[in-house]
C-alpha atoms as a PDB file:
ATOM      1  CA  UNK A   1     -18.300 -10.066  48.821  1.00  0.00           C
ATOM      2  CA  UNK A   2     -18.724 -12.005  45.878  1.00  0.00           C
ATOM      3  CA  UNK A   3     -21.516 -13.844  43.935  1.00  0.00           C
ATOM      4  CA  UNK A   4     -21.711 -17.035  46.172  1.00  0.00           C
ATOM      5  CA  UNK A   5     -22.183 -15.344  49.311  1.00  0.00           C
ATOM      6  CA  UNK A   6     -25.002 -13.048  47.918  1.00  0.00           C
ATOM      7  CA  UNK A   7     -26.773 -16.302  46.593  1.00  0.00           C
ATOM      8  CA  UNK A   8     -25.963 -18.210  50.258  1.00  0.00           C
ATOM      9  CA  UNK A   9     -27.642 -15.195  51.701  1.00  0.00           C
ATOM     10  CA  UNK A  10     -30.876 -15.669  49.404  1.00  0.00           C
ATOM     11  CA  UNK A  11     -31.099 -18.823  50.270  1.00  0.00           C
ATOM     12  CA  UNK A  12     -29.779 -18.772  54.113  1.00  0.00           C
ATOM     13  CA  UNK A  13     -29.853 -14.856  55.145  1.00  0.00           C
ATOM     14  CA  UNK A  14     -27.797 -14.534  57.994  1.00  0.00           C
ATOM     15  CA  UNK A  15     -29.133 -12.653  60.865  1.00  0.00           C
ATOM     16  CA  UNK A  16     -27.611  -9.812  63.067  1.00  0.00           C
ATOM     17  CA  UNK A  17     -26.278 -11.557  66.449  1.00  0.00           C
ATOM     18  CA  UNK A  18     -27.911  -8.136  67.988  1.00  0.00           C
ATOM     19  CA  UNK A  19     -31.417  -7.095  66.072  1.00  0.00           C
ATOM     20  CA  UNK A  20     -31.637 -10.338  64.332  1.00  0.00           C
ATOM     21  CA  UNK A  21     -32.295  -8.459  60.840  1.00  0.00           C
ATOM     22  CA  UNK A  22     -30.850  -9.257  57.506  1.00  0.00           C
ATOM     23  CA  UNK A  23     -27.249  -8.735  57.004  1.00  0.00           C
ATOM     24  CA  UNK A  24     -26.273  -7.156  54.156  1.00  0.00           C
ATOM     25  CA  UNK A  25     -23.828  -8.460  51.555  1.00  0.00           C
ATOM     26  CA  UNK A  26     -20.893  -6.594  53.554  1.00  0.00           C
ATOM     27  CA  UNK A  27     -21.638  -6.812  56.960  1.00  0.00           C
ATOM     28  CA  UNK A  28     -20.565  -9.716  59.065  1.00  0.00           C
ATOM     29  CA  UNK A  29     -21.823 -11.017  62.313  1.00  0.00           C
ATOM     30  CA  UNK A  30     -23.436  -7.832  63.913  1.00  0.00           C
ATOM     31  CA  UNK A  31     -25.054  -4.960  61.793  1.00  0.00           C
ATOM     32  CA  UNK A  32     -23.252  -1.628  61.284  1.00  0.00           C
ATOM     33  CA  UNK A  33     -26.949   0.005  62.980  1.00  0.00           C
ATOM     34  CA  UNK A  34     -25.727  -2.014  66.153  1.00  0.00           C
ATOM     35  CA  UNK A  35     -22.200  -1.514  65.935  1.00  0.00           C
ATOM     36  CA  UNK A  36     -22.701   2.051  65.858  1.00  0.00           C
ATOM     37  CA  UNK A  37     -24.604   1.701  69.072  1.00  0.00           C
ATOM     38  CA  UNK A  38     -22.014  -0.013  70.999  1.00  0.00           C
ATOM     39  CA  UNK A  39     -20.031   2.105  73.436  1.00  0.00           C
ATOM     40  CA  UNK A  40     -16.246   1.202  73.424  1.00  0.00           C
ATOM     41  CA  UNK A  41     -14.382   1.818  76.482  1.00  0.00           C
ATOM     42  CA  UNK A  42     -11.724   4.430  76.573  1.00  0.00           C
ATOM     43  CA  UNK A  43      -8.479   4.427  77.953  1.00  0.00           C
ATOM     44  CA  UNK A  44      -9.272   6.296  81.264  1.00  0.00           C
ATOM     45  CA  UNK A  45     -12.467   3.999  81.854  1.00  0.00           C
ATOM     46  CA  UNK A  46     -10.135   0.867  81.346  1.00  0.00           C
ATOM     47  CA  UNK A  47      -7.997   2.572  84.182  1.00  0.00           C
ATOM     48  CA  UNK A  48     -10.784   3.370  86.674  1.00  0.00           C
ATOM     49  CA  UNK A  49     -11.751  -0.409  86.083  1.00  0.00           C
ATOM     50  CA  UNK A  50      -8.093  -1.327  86.731  1.00  0.00           C
ATOM     51  CA  UNK A  51      -7.296   0.121  90.246  1.00  0.00           C
ATOM     52  CA  UNK A  52     -11.304  -1.053  90.949  1.00  0.00           C
ATOM     53  CA  UNK A  53     -11.064  -4.523  90.549  1.00  0.00           C
ATOM     54  CA  UNK A  54      -7.062  -5.438  89.946  1.00  0.00           C
ATOM     55  CA  UNK A  55      -4.513  -2.946  91.652  1.00  0.00           C
ATOM     56  CA  UNK A  56      -5.308  -3.935  95.712  1.00  0.00           C
ATOM     57  CA  UNK A  57      -4.300  -7.415  95.102  1.00  0.00           C
ATOM     58  CA  UNK A  58      -1.114  -7.394  92.441  1.00  0.00           C
ATOM     59  CA  UNK A  59      -2.381 -10.709  90.760  1.00  0.00           C
ATOM     60  CA  UNK A  60      -3.241  -8.723  87.140  1.00  0.00           C
ATOM     61  CA  UNK A  61      -0.612  -6.439  86.004  1.00  0.00           C
ATOM     62  CA  UNK A  62      -2.634  -4.990  83.383  1.00  0.00           C
ATOM     63  CA  UNK A  63      -6.296  -5.248  81.854  1.00  0.00           C
ATOM     64  CA  UNK A  64      -8.026  -4.309  78.541  1.00  0.00           C
ATOM     65  CA  UNK A  65     -11.608  -4.421  77.736  1.00  0.00           C
ATOM     66  CA  UNK A  66     -13.384  -3.582  74.226  1.00  0.00           C
ATOM     67  CA  UNK A  67     -17.155  -3.051  74.969  1.00  0.00           C
ATOM     68  CA  UNK A  68     -19.138  -1.535  77.752  1.00  0.00           C
ATOM     69  CA  UNK A  69     -21.791  -4.334  78.750  1.00  0.00           C
ATOM     70  CA  UNK A  70     -24.784  -2.742  79.629  1.00  0.00           C
ATOM     71  CA  UNK A  71     -27.967  -5.443  80.451  1.00  0.00           C
ATOM     72  CA  UNK A  72     -30.823  -5.821  77.464  1.00  0.00           C
ATOM     73  CA  UNK A  73     -28.270  -3.867  75.133  1.00  0.00           C
ATOM     74  CA  UNK A  74     -26.573  -4.947  72.157  1.00  0.00           C
ATOM     75  CA  UNK A  75     -22.979  -6.677  73.283  1.00  0.00           C
ATOM     76  CA  UNK A  76     -25.085  -8.913  76.022  1.00  0.00           C
ATOM     77  CA  UNK A  77     -27.331 -10.231  73.176  1.00  0.00           C
ATOM     78  CA  UNK A  78     -24.768 -10.476  70.804  1.00  0.00           C
ATOM     79  CA  UNK A  79     -22.715 -12.517  74.025  1.00  0.00           C
ATOM     80  CA  UNK A  80     -25.148 -14.886  75.004  1.00  0.00           C
ATOM     81  CA  UNK A  81     -25.908 -15.975  71.256  1.00  0.00           C
ATOM     82  CA  UNK A  82     -22.386 -16.945  71.516  1.00  0.00           C
ATOM     83  CA  UNK A  83     -22.709 -18.192  74.796  1.00  0.00           C
ATOM     84  CA  UNK A  84     -26.195 -20.204  74.211  1.00  0.00           C
ATOM     85  CA  UNK A  85     -27.296 -20.507  71.055  1.00  0.00           C
ATOM     86  CA  UNK A  86     -24.206 -22.599  69.349  1.00  0.00           C
ATOM     87  CA  UNK A  87     -22.941 -19.772  67.421  1.00  0.00           C
ATOM     88  CA  UNK A  88     -19.412 -20.119  68.060  1.00  0.00           C
ATOM     89  CA  UNK A  89     -17.912 -18.065  65.174  1.00  0.00           C
ATOM     90  CA  UNK A  90     -19.333 -14.615  66.957  1.00  0.00           C
ATOM     91  CA  UNK A  91     -16.242 -15.298  69.357  1.00  0.00           C
ATOM     92  CA  UNK A  92     -13.869 -15.410  66.335  1.00  0.00           C
ATOM     93  CA  UNK A  93     -15.479 -11.914  65.351  1.00  0.00           C
ATOM     94  CA  UNK A  94     -15.426 -10.738  68.545  1.00  0.00           C
ATOM     95  CA  UNK A  95     -11.763 -11.966  69.072  1.00  0.00           C
ATOM     96  CA  UNK A  96     -10.841 -10.700  66.053  1.00  0.00           C
ATOM     97  CA  UNK A  97     -12.303  -6.884  66.886  1.00  0.00           C
ATOM     98  CA  UNK A  98     -10.690  -7.214  70.403  1.00  0.00           C
ATOM     99  CA  UNK A  99      -7.241  -8.398  68.414  1.00  0.00           C
ATOM    100  CA  UNK A 100      -7.121  -5.483  66.631  1.00  0.00           C
ATOM    101  CA  UNK A 101      -8.278  -2.998  69.164  1.00  0.00           C
ATOM    102  CA  UNK A 102      -5.140  -4.761  71.840  1.00  0.00           C
ATOM    103  CA  UNK A 103      -2.494  -4.814  69.452  1.00  0.00           C
ATOM    104  CA  UNK A 104      -0.309  -1.738  69.915  1.00  0.00           C
ATOM    105  CA  UNK A 105      -1.592  -1.873  74.346  1.00  0.00           C
ATOM    106  CA  UNK A 106      -0.067  -5.022  74.636  1.00  0.00           C
ATOM    107  CA  UNK A 107       3.280  -4.627  72.385  1.00  0.00           C
ATOM    108  CA  UNK A 108       5.282  -4.035  76.049  1.00  0.00           C
ATOM    109  CA  UNK A 109       3.257  -6.959  77.824  1.00  0.00           C
ATOM    110  CA  UNK A 110       5.617  -9.357  75.914  1.00  0.00           C
ATOM    111  CA  UNK A 111       3.056 -12.038  75.849  1.00  0.00           C
ATOM    112  CA  UNK A 112       4.230 -15.206  75.443  1.00  0.00           C
ATOM    113  CA  UNK A 113       0.899 -17.013  75.253  1.00  0.00           C
ATOM    114  CA  UNK A 114      -3.302 -16.442  75.570  1.00  0.00           C
ATOM    115  CA  UNK A 115      -5.245 -18.813  77.791  1.00  0.00           C
ATOM    116  CA  UNK A 116      -8.797 -18.938  78.020  1.00  0.00           C
ATOM    117  CA  UNK A 117     -10.819 -18.891  81.280  1.00  0.00           C
ATOM    118  CA  UNK A 118     -12.080 -22.313  81.375  1.00  0.00           C
ATOM    119  CA  UNK A 119     -15.515 -23.735  81.647  1.00  0.00           C
ATOM    120  CA  UNK A 120     -16.176 -26.623  84.310  1.00  0.00           C
ATOM    121  CA  UNK A 121     -16.819 -30.176  82.321  1.00  0.00           C
ATOM    122  CA  UNK A 122     -20.027 -30.884  82.776  1.00  0.00           C
ATOM    123  CA  UNK A 123     -20.887 -27.132  81.489  1.00  0.00           C
ATOM    124  CA  UNK A 124     -18.774 -27.235  78.879  1.00  0.00           C
ATOM    125  CA  UNK A 125     -20.407 -30.404  78.072  1.00  0.00           C
ATOM    126  CA  UNK A 126     -23.944 -29.008  77.846  1.00  0.00           C
ATOM    127  CA  UNK A 127     -22.919 -25.722  76.177  1.00  0.00           C
ATOM    128  CA  UNK A 128     -20.784 -28.073  73.323  1.00  0.00           C
ATOM    129  CA  UNK A 129     -17.914 -25.616  73.525  1.00  0.00           C
ATOM    130  CA  UNK A 130     -16.071 -22.972  75.313  1.00  0.00           C
ATOM    131  CA  UNK A 131     -16.688 -19.544  73.961  1.00  0.00           C
ATOM    132  CA  UNK A 132     -13.910 -17.822  76.169  1.00  0.00           C
ATOM    133  CA  UNK A 133     -11.622 -20.113  73.534  1.00  0.00           C
ATOM    134  CA  UNK A 134     -13.251 -18.744  70.061  1.00  0.00           C
ATOM    135  CA  UNK A 135     -12.427 -15.429  71.381  1.00  0.00           C
ATOM    136  CA  UNK A 136      -8.606 -16.523  71.524  1.00  0.00           C
ATOM    137  CA  UNK A 137      -8.851 -17.913  68.621  1.00  0.00           C
ATOM    138  CA  UNK A 138      -9.884 -14.820  66.863  1.00  0.00           C
ATOM    139  CA  UNK A 139      -7.468 -13.276  68.916  1.00  0.00           C
ATOM    140  CA  UNK A 140      -5.167 -15.476  67.550  1.00  0.00           C
ATOM    141  CA  UNK A 141      -5.851 -14.334  63.697  1.00  0.00           C
ATOM    142  CA  UNK A 142      -4.876 -11.416  64.700  1.00  0.00           C
ATOM    143  CA  UNK A 143      -1.983 -11.224  67.265  1.00  0.00           C
ATOM    144  CA  UNK A 144      -0.384 -14.418  66.197  1.00  0.00           C
ATOM    145  CA  UNK A 145       0.416 -15.657  69.774  1.00  0.00           C
ATOM    146  CA  UNK A 146       0.110 -19.312  70.773  1.00  0.00           C
ATOM    147  CA  UNK A 147      -2.935 -20.379  72.715  1.00  0.00           C
ATOM    148  CA  UNK A 148      -3.301 -23.481  75.067  1.00  0.00           C
ATOM    149  CA  UNK A 149      -6.574 -24.003  76.562  1.00  0.00           C
ATOM    150  CA  UNK A 150      -4.920 -26.882  78.305  1.00  0.00           C
ATOM    151  CA  UNK A 151      -3.101 -25.176  80.818  1.00  0.00           C
ATOM    152  CA  UNK A 152      -5.852 -24.540  83.768  1.00  0.00           C
ATOM    153  CA  UNK A 153      -8.590 -26.988  83.968  1.00  0.00           C
ATOM    154  CA  UNK A 154     -11.864 -25.665  86.255  1.00  0.00           C
ATOM    155  CA  UNK A 155     -11.841 -28.579  88.663  1.00  0.00           C
ATOM    156  CA  UNK A 156     -15.234 -27.632  90.882  1.00  0.00           C
ATOM    157  CA  UNK A 157     -18.580 -27.024  89.386  1.00  0.00           C
ATOM    158  CA  UNK A 158     -19.588 -23.289  90.617  1.00  0.00           C
ATOM    159  CA  UNK A 159     -22.984 -21.484  90.602  1.00  0.00           C
ATOM    160  CA  UNK A 160     -23.682 -18.377  88.161  1.00  0.00           C
ATOM    161  CA  UNK A 161     -21.804 -15.576  89.350  1.00  0.00           C
ATOM    162  CA  UNK A 162     -24.435 -13.578  88.052  1.00  0.00           C
ATOM    163  CA  UNK A 163     -26.563 -12.854  90.527  1.00  0.00           C
ATOM    164  CA  UNK A 164     -24.228 -13.167  93.407  1.00  0.00           C
ATOM    165  CA  UNK A 165     -21.842  -9.602  95.136  1.00  0.00           C
ATOM    166  CA  UNK A 166     -18.734  -9.191  95.071  1.00  0.00           C
ATOM    167  CA  UNK A 167     -17.649 -11.175  98.244  1.00  0.00           C
ATOM    168  CA  UNK A 168     -19.865 -13.432  97.411  1.00  0.00           C
ATOM    169  CA  UNK A 169     -18.384 -14.235  93.596  1.00  0.00           C
ATOM    170  CA  UNK A 170     -14.972 -14.689  95.714  1.00  0.00           C
ATOM    171  CA  UNK A 171     -15.790 -17.119  97.582  1.00  0.00           C
ATOM    172  CA  UNK A 172     -17.504 -19.117  95.290  1.00  0.00           C
ATOM    173  CA  UNK A 173     -14.783 -19.614  92.729  1.00  0.00           C
ATOM    174  CA  UNK A 174     -12.300 -19.651  95.464  1.00  0.00           C
ATOM    175  CA  UNK A 175      -9.749 -22.735  94.647  1.00  0.00           C
ATOM    176  CA  UNK A 176     -11.888 -23.560  91.614  1.00  0.00           C
ATOM    177  CA  UNK A 177      -9.462 -24.088  89.192  1.00  0.00           C
ATOM    178  CA  UNK A 178      -6.475 -26.460  89.013  1.00  0.00           C
ATOM    179  CA  UNK A 179      -3.040 -26.602  86.571  1.00  0.00           C
ATOM    180  CA  UNK A 180      -2.670 -29.155  84.362  1.00  0.00           C
ATOM    181  CA  UNK A 181       0.679 -28.202  82.565  1.00  0.00           C
ATOM    182  CA  UNK A 182       2.797 -26.201  84.929  1.00  0.00           C
ATOM    183  CA  UNK A 183       6.111 -26.706  83.623  1.00  0.00           C
ATOM    184  CA  UNK A 184       4.726 -24.945  80.452  1.00  0.00           C
ATOM    185  CA  UNK A 185       3.874 -21.787  82.488  1.00  0.00           C
ATOM    186  CA  UNK A 186       7.129 -21.109  84.084  1.00  0.00           C
ATOM    187  CA  UNK A 187       8.505 -17.627  83.585  1.00  0.00           C
ATOM    188  CA  UNK A 188       5.997 -16.775  81.108  1.00  0.00           C
ATOM    189  CA  UNK A 189       4.089 -13.957  80.150  1.00  0.00           C
ATOM    190  CA  UNK A 190       0.294 -14.839  80.273  1.00  0.00           C
ATOM    191  CA  UNK A 191      -2.900 -13.419  78.617  1.00  0.00           C
ATOM    192  CA  UNK A 192      -6.096 -14.392  80.053  1.00  0.00           C
ATOM    193  CA  UNK A 193      -8.976 -14.315  78.041  1.00  0.00           C
ATOM    194  CA  UNK A 194     -12.845 -13.949  79.139  1.00  0.00           C
ATOM    195  CA  UNK A 195     -15.957 -12.811  77.552  1.00  0.00           C
ATOM    196  CA  UNK A 196     -17.274 -10.353  80.265  1.00  0.00           C
ATOM    197  CA  UNK A 197     -15.253  -8.874  83.326  1.00  0.00           C
ATOM    198  CA  UNK A 198     -17.592  -8.248  86.076  1.00  0.00           C
ATOM    199  CA  UNK A 199     -15.824  -7.902  89.613  1.00  0.00           C
ATOM    200  CA  UNK A 200     -12.573  -9.555  88.217  1.00  0.00           C
ATOM    201  CA  UNK A 201     -12.844 -12.624  90.265  1.00  0.00           C
ATOM    202  CA  UNK A 202     -12.621 -15.414  87.757  1.00  0.00           C
ATOM    203  CA  UNK A 203      -9.276 -13.584  85.965  1.00  0.00           C
ATOM    204  CA  UNK A 204      -8.118 -13.020  89.340  1.00  0.00           C
ATOM    205  CA  UNK A 205      -8.495 -16.598  90.705  1.00  0.00           C
ATOM    206  CA  UNK A 206      -6.785 -18.330  87.466  1.00  0.00           C
ATOM    207  CA  UNK A 207      -4.039 -15.447  87.841  1.00  0.00           C
ATOM    208  CA  UNK A 208      -3.651 -16.159  91.514  1.00  0.00           C
ATOM    209  CA  UNK A 209      -2.856 -20.020  90.529  1.00  0.00           C
ATOM    210  CA  UNK A 210      -0.688 -19.037  87.498  1.00  0.00           C
ATOM    211  CA  UNK A 211       1.460 -17.045  89.739  1.00  0.00           C
ATOM    212  CA  UNK A 212       1.754 -19.422  92.138  1.00  0.00           C
ATOM    213  CA  UNK A 213       3.003 -22.197  89.882  1.00  0.00           C
ATOM    214  CA  UNK A 214       5.762 -19.589  88.397  1.00  0.00           C
ATOM    215  CA  UNK A 215       4.252 -17.442  85.651  1.00  0.00           C
ATOM    216  CA  UNK A 216       6.019 -13.930  85.184  1.00  0.00           C
ATOM    217  CA  UNK A 217       3.171 -11.855  84.735  1.00  0.00           C
ATOM    218  CA  UNK A 218      -0.675 -12.166  84.292  1.00  0.00           C
ATOM    219  CA  UNK A 219      -2.526  -9.959  82.160  1.00  0.00           C
ATOM    220  CA  UNK A 220      -6.127  -9.602  81.302  1.00  0.00           C
ATOM    221  CA  UNK A 221      -8.593  -9.179  78.108  1.00  0.00           C
ATOM    222  CA  UNK A 222     -12.481  -9.128  77.129  1.00  0.00           C
ATOM    223  CA  UNK A 223     -14.885  -8.748  75.455  1.00  0.00           C
ATOM    224  CA  UNK A 224     -16.473  -6.252  77.659  1.00  0.00           C
ATOM    225  CA  UNK A 225     -16.497  -4.975  81.235  1.00  0.00           C
ATOM    226  CA  UNK A 226     -19.434  -4.246  83.040  1.00  0.00           C
ATOM    227  CA  UNK A 227     -19.121  -1.242  85.766  1.00  0.00           C
END
């Protein structure tokens, strides 16, 4: 950090996206204290989650998540700030963290394109942006893989998945997406990106559509995963 950053922090203090305390000069978005409390997802948990959420349908070839999503804790608060308080720079921060963690894992996947899970246009208009797109921008800063947010559109407005069980989520999201440009995905390995994966219903539905239209393999990366 330099003099101008210190000066800006004096007049307009930057606050931690989790605990709202003032960030010191070398902290970015989240304070070190909160970062230390966030639980990273290890390889064994990722393998278990893949078995639970993706193996049976064979739509998603592999999967990666960075953090464990826990209610009323740091990751939930950070993502809430990203989604609802117009702090879209948090998405880039999370995407860059995800990119650094996934950089070696992703090499065998040979990804051609990164696609953020889309929002319905009404929800996007209300929120002002798609948080997953800003996560993919952060990923691109690290991985340098092209991002395309115009491949998939959400054609049907769906109720929030938050309070639905697995079967209800599957039904709620069924046939909710359509492709704008299917020629661009034929034979491609695609990385779908979302902020949080809970049951995996949303990314499975996107993946199914992409495979039906000629994509080669579908992979998923998320900032966080919920048990």
